[in-house]
Amino acid sequence: MNQTKLREWDERVSRYSAESVTLARRSGLPVLLLTQAVLGRDSAGKPRLDDHGLDSMVAPLAGPGVLLLSMKQLLEPLAFESLFADGSHLRPEGHRMMAQAIVQLLLREDLVKTNR
């Protein structure tokens, strides 16, 4: 890929993410930043997850009212290769795992209530 275009895209994602978080904070709205990871291979052909730097890009935005959930950090300790249908799309089990992690985070942060 064109390195200049990649840098431009990263700058755009960073700028708009920061602006969106600022607007949400001003409005008193909580934010959940969910960073995607894709399935790839390292130089030895071993499966690996790549977030293309998204985790480190948005990490400075996390804080009061802004939660961060990293797909890479969530799935990396697991046998993640079987959770992907292809390089970037999860199978149903992968989606369930992501959904459960989101719910757990929202409950832990007291952003949703249960009827239990």
Protein backbone atom coordinates (compact mmCIF):
# COMPACT_ATOMS: atom_id res chain seq x y z
CA MET A 1 0.00 0.00 0.00
CA ASN A 2 1.03 3.57 -0.59
CA GLN A 3 2.75 4.82 2.59
CA THR A 4 1.70 8.42 1.99
CA LYS A 5 -1.96 7.38 1.74
CA LEU A 6 -1.64 5.23 4.85
CA ARG A 7 -0.21 8.17 6.81
CA GLU A 8 -3.00 10.41 5.54
CA TRP A 9 -5.60 7.83 6.56
CA ASP A 10 -4.07 7.42 10.02
CA GLU A 11 -4.05 11.19 10.52
CA ARG A 12 -7.67 11.40 9.40
CA VAL A 13 -8.79 8.58 11.72
CA SER A 14 -6.88 10.13 14.61
CA ARG A 15 -8.29 13.62 14.02
CA TYR A 16 -11.91 12.56 13.60
CA SER A 17 -11.76 10.16 16.53
CA ALA A 18 -10.43 12.93 18.79
CA GLU A 19 -13.06 15.37 17.54
CA SER A 20 -15.85 12.84 18.10
CA VAL A 21 -14.66 12.07 21.62
CA THR A 22 -14.44 15.79 22.41
CA LEU A 23 -18.01 16.33 21.20
CA ALA A 24 -19.30 13.38 23.21
CA ARG A 25 -17.52 14.55 26.35
CA ARG A 26 -18.92 18.06 25.97
CA SER A 27 -22.39 16.53 25.68
CA GLY A 28 -21.84 14.29 28.69
CA LEU A 29 -22.23 11.13 26.60
CA PRO A 30 -20.17 8.02 27.24
CA VAL A 31 -18.12 6.59 24.39
CA LEU A 32 -16.92 3.09 23.67
CA LEU A 33 -13.99 2.96 21.26
CA LEU A 34 -13.76 -0.51 19.74
CA THR A 35 -10.61 -1.16 17.76
CA GLN A 36 -10.62 -3.78 15.04
CA ALA A 37 -7.93 -6.36 14.41
CA VAL A 38 -7.47 -8.48 11.32
CA LEU A 39 -6.01 -11.93 10.90
CA GLY A 40 -2.64 -12.12 9.24
CA ARG A 41 0.56 -14.14 9.28
CA ASP A 42 4.00 -13.33 10.57
CA SER A 43 7.13 -13.96 8.51
CA ALA A 44 7.17 -17.60 9.64
CA GLY A 45 3.56 -18.11 8.55
CA LYS A 46 2.22 -18.19 12.11
CA PRO A 47 -1.23 -16.57 12.58
CA ARG A 48 -1.18 -13.14 14.18
CA LEU A 49 -3.59 -10.30 14.81
CA ASP A 50 -2.85 -6.84 13.45
CA ASP A 51 -4.67 -3.73 14.61
CA HIS A 52 -2.71 -1.51 12.18
CA GLY A 53 -1.78 0.73 15.10
CA LEU A 54 -5.39 1.54 16.09
CA ASP A 55 -4.91 0.58 19.74
CA SER A 56 -2.02 2.97 20.24
CA MET A 57 -3.74 5.64 18.12
CA VAL A 58 -6.87 5.82 20.28
CA ALA A 59 -5.39 4.88 23.67
CA PRO A 60 -4.72 8.54 24.57
CA LEU A 61 -8.45 9.25 24.12
CA ALA A 62 -9.49 6.77 26.82
CA GLY A 63 -10.32 8.19 30.21
CA PRO A 64 -13.35 9.64 31.97
CA GLY A 65 -16.40 8.82 29.89
CA VAL A 66 -14.36 7.09 27.18
CA LEU A 67 -13.87 3.33 27.28
CA LEU A 68 -11.58 1.35 25.02
CA LEU A 69 -12.04 -2.25 23.94
CA SER A 70 -9.32 -3.76 21.81
CA MET A 71 -10.30 -6.69 19.60
CA LYS A 72 -6.62 -7.62 19.41
CA GLN A 73 -6.14 -7.67 23.18
CA LEU A 74 -9.37 -9.59 23.69
CA LEU A 75 -8.72 -12.30 21.09
CA GLU A 76 -4.92 -12.61 21.11
CA PRO A 77 -4.72 -14.91 24.17
CA LEU A 78 -7.18 -17.32 22.48
CA ALA A 79 -7.04 -19.70 19.55
CA PHE A 80 -8.19 -16.75 17.47
CA GLU A 81 -7.60 -18.12 13.98
CA SER A 82 -10.76 -20.26 14.16
CA LEU A 83 -12.83 -17.19 15.08
CA PHE A 84 -12.28 -15.62 11.65
CA ALA A 85 -14.19 -16.50 8.48
CA ASP A 86 -11.49 -14.72 6.47
CA GLY A 87 -8.82 -12.15 7.19
CA SER A 88 -11.15 -9.53 8.61
CA HIS A 89 -14.60 -11.01 9.25
CA LEU A 90 -15.48 -12.92 12.37
CA ARG A 91 -17.48 -16.12 12.50
CA PRO A 92 -20.58 -16.14 14.75
CA GLU A 93 -18.54 -17.37 17.74
CA GLY A 94 -16.16 -14.42 17.34
CA HIS A 95 -19.09 -12.01 17.22
CA ARG A 96 -20.53 -13.59 20.38
CA MET A 97 -17.22 -13.15 22.16
CA MET A 98 -17.00 -9.51 21.13
CA ALA A 99 -20.61 -8.89 22.18
CA GLN A 100 -20.04 -10.52 25.57
CA ALA A 101 -16.94 -8.40 26.14
CA ILE A 102 -18.87 -5.24 25.28
CA VAL A 103 -21.71 -6.14 27.65
CA GLN A 104 -19.29 -7.01 30.45
CA LEU A 105 -17.47 -3.71 30.01
CA LEU A 106 -20.69 -1.69 30.00
CA LEU A 107 -21.95 -3.51 33.11
CA ARG A 108 -18.62 -3.10 34.90
CA GLU A 109 -18.64 0.62 34.18
CA ASP A 110 -22.28 0.84 35.33
CA LEU A 111 -23.45 2.16 31.94
CA VAL A 112 -26.26 -0.39 31.65
CA LYS A 113 -28.45 -2.03 34.24
CA THR A 114 -29.70 -5.59 34.43
CA ASN A 115 -33.05 -6.81 35.72
CA ARG A 116 -31.40 -9.63 37.66
